[in-house]
Amino acid sequence: MPINRGPFNALVDDDGSNTIGTVWNKAQIQGVILDPADAAYMDRPAVLLVTTTGTIPILPTATGSGDLLVVLNPSGPVTIQGIASTSKNGQRVTIYNASTFKVDLTQDVGGAPVQLLNWTHSAPTSLMQGGSASYVWDGVLFGIWRMTAHEQGSWIMSAFNAANFTAPGGAYWQVEAGDVLTLHYRVTGCQVTVAWYLVATSLSTITAQLSILSAAYGGYAAARAMFNPIVAAQGGVVMNAYARSETALIAIQRADSSTWATSTNGSYFFGQLTFEVI
């Protein structure tokens, strides 16, 4: 930001009589040079390093009226519930995760004095290493930080939980930790992409549908049903199948609508699905 030259332009040159020129004193130095320089300096970008681990109700920021950058380098996972408010409407804060730990940005936290408005709200917005999110302060309507940009960084690998793999009607889909070669997800805007590579799984009962619960991909709720062809194999026979997003799960079915056969360590599933989330 250029220095305000208004006070300088208001100075009057003397004609040599020492009667009409502007008096140059400490007050003039402050008003003409120091105050405009301070204002221009404060409007430059400012950076703050934060190493706090755990839940951060209000994330501190650097001091300044320009764009602000908060670099996170914690020694463990972090959950951010809000960002320190500012008096400058439209000011932008960017949060960058420099650590190897996951950072969650939560929305609608009860009791949080300065809340975040994320692009998705059914689950926290996450930052992995190299990920960043930008917010702009809306002090006119709601007094809230509105998300304007988000880059997750690396894909998130789901922690194994056998309960995330189910089948309806009393059927049992057994997936063990060693069967999961890939189960990762990535959020881009208002979409999540889930990728899976499941090998040598077992089915105890004939069933038409298998399900991967949303807990396996961050808990995001699908906004609508979306489909994608995938590959499955049972008993060494490769077959066409498809995946479909439902509110709280991904359904896996055969393309010809027939049932999945029972098997012991003989059912394989490879695919990915991108769908809109709320």
Foldseek 3Di string as FASTA:
>chain_A
DDFDQVLVVPFDDDPPPVPPGDDDDPVSCCVRPVVSVVQVVLQDEEEAEDADAEEDLEAEWDGGQHETEYEYAYPEEYEYFAYDADPHAFHKYKYAYQYQYKYWYAAPDPPRPEGEAELFHQFTQIAGHGKMWMWGAHPPPDRYTYTDDTDRPDWAFFDDDQVQKQAPDPKGKGADPVQWPGWTWDDDRQKMKTWTKGAQIWIPAKGFKMKGWQSSPRRFFFPDKDKDKWWKWFPRRIAIWMWIHHGTIIIIGGPVSGIDHGDGRGIIIGDMDMGGTD
